[in-house]
Protein backbone atom coordinates (compact mmCIF):
# COMPACT_ATOMS: atom_id res chain seq x y z
CA MET A 1 -0.93 -8.83 -28.75
CA TYR A 2 1.32 -6.92 -26.36
CA LYS A 3 0.88 -4.12 -23.80
CA LEU A 4 2.88 -2.20 -21.19
CA TYR A 5 1.52 -1.42 -17.70
CA ILE A 6 3.28 1.32 -15.70
CA GLY A 7 2.64 4.01 -13.08
CA ASN A 8 3.35 4.90 -9.47
CA GLU A 9 0.08 3.27 -8.35
CA THR A 10 1.70 -0.13 -8.64
CA TYR A 11 -1.15 -2.06 -7.04
CA LEU A 12 -3.55 -0.96 -9.78
CA SER A 13 -1.07 -1.44 -12.62
CA PHE A 14 -0.22 -4.95 -11.40
CA LYS A 15 -3.87 -5.83 -10.80
CA ASN A 16 -4.87 -4.84 -14.32
CA ALA A 17 -1.86 -6.56 -15.85
CA ARG A 18 -2.92 -9.75 -14.05
CA ILE A 19 -6.49 -9.38 -15.33
CA ALA A 20 -5.18 -9.11 -18.91
CA LEU A 21 -2.98 -12.16 -18.36
CA LYS A 22 -5.85 -14.20 -16.98
CA GLU A 23 -8.01 -13.40 -20.01
CA LEU A 24 -5.21 -14.38 -22.39
CA ILE A 25 -4.52 -17.65 -20.60
CA GLU A 26 -8.21 -18.58 -20.40
CA ASN A 27 -8.98 -17.69 -24.01
CA THR A 28 -5.94 -19.21 -25.71
CA ASP A 29 -4.26 -22.59 -25.59
CA SER A 30 -0.90 -21.12 -24.64
CA GLU A 31 2.21 -21.81 -22.63
CA TYR A 32 2.57 -19.31 -19.76
CA ILE A 33 6.03 -17.93 -18.93
CA SER A 34 6.80 -15.37 -16.20
CA ILE A 35 10.07 -13.41 -16.41
CA ASP A 36 11.50 -11.15 -13.68
CA ALA A 37 13.64 -9.13 -16.08
CA GLU A 38 15.32 -7.11 -13.33
CA LYS A 39 17.18 -10.17 -12.06
CA ILE A 40 17.91 -12.07 -15.29
CA ASP A 41 20.85 -11.45 -17.60
CA SER A 42 19.73 -9.56 -20.72
CA SER A 43 21.26 -12.17 -23.05
CA LYS A 44 19.07 -14.88 -21.52
CA ILE A 45 15.97 -12.74 -21.97
CA ILE A 46 16.83 -12.03 -25.61
CA GLU A 47 17.46 -15.73 -26.17
CA LEU A 48 14.08 -16.59 -24.62
CA LEU A 49 12.27 -14.05 -26.80
CA SER A 50 13.83 -15.40 -29.98
CA SER A 51 13.20 -19.06 -29.12
CA GLN A 52 10.10 -21.13 -29.79
CA SER A 53 7.74 -22.79 -27.33
CA LEU A 54 8.87 -26.18 -26.07
CA PHE A 55 5.39 -27.45 -26.77
CA ASN A 56 5.22 -25.87 -30.22
CA LYS A 57 2.31 -23.61 -29.34
CA PRO A 58 1.72 -19.87 -28.67
CA ARG A 59 3.13 -18.35 -25.50
CA VAL A 60 1.84 -15.84 -22.98
CA LEU A 61 4.83 -13.96 -21.61
CA PHE A 62 4.61 -11.87 -18.43
CA ILE A 63 7.74 -9.67 -18.32
CA LYS A 64 8.22 -7.76 -15.06
CA ARG A 65 10.56 -4.83 -14.32
CA LEU A 66 12.41 -4.89 -17.63
CA TYR A 67 13.25 -1.20 -17.27
CA LYS A 68 15.25 -2.03 -14.12
CA ASN A 69 17.52 -4.43 -16.00
CA LYS A 70 21.10 -3.12 -15.76
CA ASP A 71 21.57 -3.73 -19.50
CA LYS A 72 18.26 -2.21 -20.60
CA GLU A 73 19.92 -0.09 -23.30
CA THR A 74 20.72 -3.32 -25.16
CA LEU A 75 17.61 -5.21 -24.11
CA ILE A 76 14.94 -2.67 -25.10
CA PRO A 77 15.87 -2.43 -28.83
CA SER A 78 15.87 -6.25 -28.98
CA LEU A 79 12.44 -6.25 -27.33
CA PHE A 80 11.08 -3.80 -29.92
CA GLU A 81 12.43 -5.96 -32.74
CA TYR A 82 10.80 -9.04 -31.24
CA LEU A 83 7.43 -7.33 -30.69
CA GLU A 84 7.24 -6.01 -34.25
CA LYS A 85 7.69 -9.48 -35.71
CA ASP A 86 4.64 -11.41 -36.83
CA SER A 87 4.52 -13.63 -33.75
CA THR A 88 1.80 -15.73 -32.16
CA ASP A 89 3.08 -14.82 -28.69
CA ASN A 90 1.11 -12.57 -26.34
CA VAL A 91 3.22 -10.30 -24.15
CA ILE A 92 2.28 -8.34 -21.03
CA LEU A 93 4.98 -6.06 -19.60
CA TRP A 94 4.72 -4.51 -16.14
CA GLU A 95 6.92 -1.96 -14.38
CA ASP A 96 6.67 -1.34 -10.63
CA GLN A 97 7.34 2.35 -11.17
CA LYS A 98 6.47 5.39 -13.23
CA VAL A 99 8.70 5.57 -16.31
CA SER A 100 9.24 8.92 -18.02
CA SER A 101 7.04 9.54 -21.05
CA ILE A 102 10.03 10.87 -23.01
CA THR A 103 11.87 7.53 -22.97
CA LYS A 104 11.91 5.43 -26.14
CA TYR A 105 10.51 2.58 -24.06
CA VAL A 106 7.28 4.42 -23.19
CA LYS A 107 7.00 6.25 -26.51
CA PHE A 108 7.04 2.94 -28.38
CA PHE A 109 3.95 1.60 -26.60
CA LYS A 110 2.18 4.95 -26.39
CA SER A 111 2.47 5.52 -30.14
CA LYS A 112 0.71 2.21 -30.71
CA LYS A 113 -1.90 2.90 -28.01
CA LEU A 114 -0.65 -0.11 -26.08
CA LEU A 115 0.26 1.72 -22.87
CA GLU A 116 -1.73 1.49 -19.62
CA GLU A 117 -0.60 4.00 -16.98
CA TYR A 118 -1.90 4.03 -13.40
CA ASN A 119 -0.81 6.89 -11.15
CA LYS A 120 -1.73 7.90 -7.60
CA LEU A 121 -5.35 8.92 -7.27
CA THR A 122 -6.40 12.32 -5.96
CA LYS A 123 -8.85 12.20 -3.06
CA PRO A 124 -11.90 12.88 -5.31
CA SER A 125 -10.68 10.24 -7.78
CA PHE A 126 -10.05 7.82 -4.93
CA ASN A 127 -13.60 8.29 -3.61
CA LYS A 128 -14.96 7.70 -7.11
CA TYR A 129 -12.89 4.53 -7.40
CA ALA A 130 -14.12 3.40 -3.97
CA ARG A 131 -17.73 3.82 -5.06
CA GLU A 132 -17.13 1.90 -8.31
CA LEU A 133 -15.41 -0.88 -6.36
CA CYS A 134 -18.37 -1.14 -3.96
CA LEU A 135 -20.72 -1.45 -6.94
CA GLU A 136 -18.46 -4.15 -8.37
CA TYR A 137 -18.92 -6.10 -5.13
CA ASN A 138 -22.70 -5.38 -5.11
CA LEU A 139 -22.47 -3.18 -2.03
CA SER A 140 -24.56 -0.06 -1.53
CA ILE A 141 -22.88 2.83 0.29
CA ASP A 142 -23.70 6.54 0.69
CA ASN A 143 -21.32 9.41 -0.05
CA GLN A 144 -20.48 10.20 3.57
CA LEU A 145 -19.48 6.59 4.25
CA ILE A 146 -17.40 6.55 1.06
CA ASN A 147 -15.33 9.34 2.62
CA THR A 148 -15.09 7.40 5.89
CA LEU A 149 -14.04 4.23 4.10
CA SER A 150 -11.40 6.12 2.11
CA ASN A 151 -10.02 7.72 5.28
CA TYR A 152 -9.92 4.39 7.09
CA SER A 153 -8.04 2.96 4.12
CA ASN A 154 -5.56 5.86 4.34
CA TYR A 155 -6.13 6.40 0.60
CA SER A 156 -4.37 3.15 -0.23
CA VAL A 157 -6.01 1.29 -3.12
CA GLU A 158 -4.83 -2.08 -1.83
CA ARG A 159 -6.15 -1.42 1.67
CA LEU A 160 -9.43 -0.16 0.25
CA GLU A 161 -9.99 -3.33 -1.76
CA ASN A 162 -9.09 -5.55 1.19
CA SER A 163 -11.51 -3.59 3.38
CA ILE A 164 -14.34 -3.94 0.88
CA LYS A 165 -13.67 -7.68 0.61
CA LYS A 166 -13.94 -7.96 4.40
CA ILE A 167 -17.23 -6.06 4.43
CA LYS A 168 -18.62 -8.26 1.65
CA LEU A 169 -17.55 -11.42 3.46
CA LEU A 170 -18.64 -10.50 6.99
CA SER A 171 -21.61 -8.16 6.60
CA ASP A 172 -25.15 -9.56 6.68
CA SER A 173 -26.47 -6.86 4.37
CA GLN A 174 -25.60 -5.42 0.95
CA THR A 175 -25.98 -1.93 2.41
CA VAL A 176 -22.81 -0.71 4.09
CA THR A 177 -23.36 1.01 7.45
CA LYS A 178 -21.07 3.05 9.70
CA ASN A 179 -21.12 0.13 12.13
CA ASP A 180 -19.84 -2.19 9.37
CA ILE A 181 -16.90 0.11 8.77
CA ASP A 182 -16.14 0.61 12.47
CA SER A 183 -16.39 -3.07 13.35
CA ILE A 184 -14.93 -4.69 10.22
CA VAL A 185 -12.55 -2.21 8.65
CA VAL A 186 -9.48 -1.56 10.77
CA ASP A 187 -7.79 1.79 10.28
CA THR A 188 -4.55 0.08 9.37
CA LEU A 189 -2.26 3.06 9.84
CA GLU A 190 -3.67 3.60 13.32
CA GLN A 191 -3.16 -0.09 14.07
CA ASP A 192 0.41 0.03 12.77
CA ILE A 193 1.17 3.03 15.00
CA TRP A 194 -0.07 1.06 18.02
CA ILE A 195 2.10 -1.87 17.00
CA LEU A 196 5.05 0.49 16.57
CA LEU A 197 4.58 1.85 20.10
CA ASP A 198 4.26 -1.67 21.50
CA GLU A 199 7.45 -2.78 19.78
CA MET A 200 9.29 0.29 21.06
CA ASN A 201 8.14 -0.49 24.60
CA SER A 202 9.21 -4.16 24.48
CA SER A 203 12.76 -5.21 25.34
CA GLN A 204 12.49 -7.82 22.58
CA GLY A 205 10.62 -5.53 20.18
CA LYS A 206 11.54 -4.81 16.57
CA PRO A 207 10.19 -1.28 15.96
CA LEU A 208 12.35 -0.66 12.89
CA LEU A 209 10.63 -3.50 11.02
CA VAL A 210 7.24 -1.96 11.79
CA LEU A 211 8.45 1.53 10.81
CA GLU A 212 9.82 0.15 7.54
CA ARG A 213 6.46 -1.46 6.80
CA ILE A 214 4.63 1.82 7.42
CA LEU A 215 7.05 3.81 5.23
CA LYS A 216 6.75 1.23 2.42
CA GLN A 217 3.02 1.98 2.35
CA GLY A 218 3.89 5.45 1.09
CA ILE A 219 3.00 7.19 4.36
CA ASP A 220 4.85 10.51 4.74
CA SER A 221 7.24 10.28 7.70
CA LYS A 222 6.12 13.77 8.75
CA TYR A 223 2.58 12.40 9.15
CA ILE A 224 3.69 9.54 11.42
CA LEU A 225 4.99 11.87 14.14
CA PRO A 226 1.62 13.52 14.94
CA MET A 227 -0.01 10.08 14.83
CA ILE A 228 2.44 8.84 17.48
CA ALA A 229 1.86 12.04 19.49
CA ARG A 230 -1.93 11.57 19.27
CA ASN A 231 -1.72 7.99 20.48
CA LEU A 232 0.60 8.96 23.35
CA ARG A 233 -1.90 11.66 24.34
CA LEU A 234 -4.75 9.11 24.34
CA ILE A 235 -2.65 6.67 26.38
CA THR A 236 -1.81 9.41 28.89
CA LEU A 237 -5.42 10.55 29.29
CA THR A 238 -6.69 6.97 29.52
CA LYS A 239 -4.11 6.12 32.17
CA TYR A 240 -5.15 9.16 34.19
CA LEU A 241 -8.87 8.33 33.88
CA THR A 242 -8.44 4.65 34.78
CA THR A 243 -6.33 5.67 37.78
CA ASN A 244 -9.36 7.71 38.87
CA SER A 245 -11.68 4.71 38.34
CA SER A 246 -13.50 6.10 35.31
CA SER A 247 -15.75 3.63 33.49
CA PHE A 248 -15.29 2.67 29.83
CA SER A 249 -18.34 4.73 28.84
CA GLU A 250 -16.98 7.77 30.73
CA ILE A 251 -13.60 7.42 29.02
CA ALA A 252 -15.25 7.19 25.58
CA SER A 253 -17.34 10.27 26.32
CA LEU A 254 -14.54 12.39 27.76
CA LEU A 255 -12.02 11.49 25.03
CA LYS A 256 -14.68 11.64 22.28
CA ILE A 257 -13.69 8.24 20.89
CA PRO A 258 -15.80 5.25 19.78
CA PRO A 259 -16.61 2.93 22.73
CA PHE A 260 -15.04 -0.11 21.02
CA THR A 261 -11.62 1.61 21.05
CA VAL A 262 -11.56 2.07 24.84
CA ARG A 263 -10.50 -1.44 25.84
CA PRO A 264 -7.39 -1.48 23.56
CA LEU A 265 -6.49 1.97 24.93
CA VAL A 266 -6.78 0.78 28.52
CA GLU A 267 -4.65 -2.28 27.73
CA ALA A 268 -2.04 -0.06 26.05
CA SER A 269 -1.97 2.41 28.97
CA ASN A 270 -1.35 -0.44 31.41
CA LYS A 271 1.88 -1.29 29.57
CA TYR A 272 3.44 2.12 30.34
CA ASP A 273 4.40 3.70 33.63
CA TRP A 274 4.42 7.49 34.03
CA GLU A 275 8.19 7.77 33.59
CA GLN A 276 8.04 5.91 30.26
CA ILE A 277 5.27 8.18 29.01
CA LYS A 278 7.19 11.30 30.12
CA SER A 279 10.36 10.07 28.41
CA LYS A 280 8.52 9.40 25.15
CA TYR A 281 6.92 12.85 25.20
CA GLU A 282 10.26 14.58 25.79
CA LYS A 283 12.04 12.70 23.01
CA LEU A 284 9.15 13.16 20.59
CA SER A 285 8.95 16.89 21.35
CA ASN A 286 12.70 17.34 20.81
CA LEU A 287 12.56 15.37 17.56
CA ASP A 288 9.59 17.39 16.27
CA TYR A 289 11.48 20.64 16.97
CA GLU A 290 14.69 19.46 15.27
CA ILE A 291 12.75 18.35 12.18
CA LYS A 292 10.89 21.68 11.95
CA ILE A 293 14.12 23.74 12.10
CA GLY A 294 15.70 21.47 9.49
CA LYS A 295 18.32 20.04 11.82
CA ILE A 296 17.37 16.43 11.08
CA ASP A 297 15.54 14.56 8.28
CA SER A 298 12.13 13.31 9.44
CA LYS A 299 12.70 9.73 8.27
CA LEU A 300 16.11 9.54 9.95
CA GLY A 301 14.67 11.16 13.06
CA LEU A 302 11.89 8.57 13.28
CA THR A 303 14.43 5.79 12.89
CA LEU A 304 16.52 7.19 15.74
CA PHE A 305 13.39 7.72 17.85
CA CYS A 306 12.45 4.05 17.41
CA THR A 307 15.91 2.76 18.27
CA THR A 308 16.48 4.92 21.36
CA MET A 309 13.20 4.15 23.12
């Protein structure tokens, strides 16, 4: 048995590859071998494929990122030859990327119906997946809250699953409520933006590491700018209201934000003086303008913004 898992939704492709591996390991008395084919010389991989188990029993091979091997043009034909032999080995291949359907590599597995491809979900598909995942965890949730949960997860499958696990672990009921989502599920992008601002404001901060983490999540750099602007606006308004002795409930009402978010906002506003806020606004405004007229790339602009604050 062998199968290839690919696609640009790498969390799902890897998750399902691991499920297949687990079933193979549990149901067969096999030796398990994991191979990171991107980093290993092709000759060593070919030698491993042609060798026998040290324990003289079937093997379960997990081969990762073979298509990234620098000598893949030699390695792939050898792989095909090995797979078409009458072998007792079970092989799961996984690529952390989408590989073109016109390549011999993909065509080989597709022709044998041994290809599993997982690509980014559309918003309707993501909501459907979220509902199915809730059912899998025996959680009941209505359609409106599915949309809320998806938004809070920023349409990241990995974040969604982690959020649902938290709800399952910490909620007292099998029915998911808005309060469960607000109190248990953190809008992780929002949180990362706050962390980014904190790191930019600290003399010992490392904002570029936070920015890199956000960008690795697949968040469009052009979307990060308005998020930073929104948070700066909330900080500014909160600072003004606290200066005028407004209560937490008044701040929540005037800013139209959930009450539980007021305290973190007040704490954040206390970290900035008015000159710092003004400086951030000016630099962010200039950067937004330069990006819109095509003078600077948004990702590069964000990097410079983080390093000059």
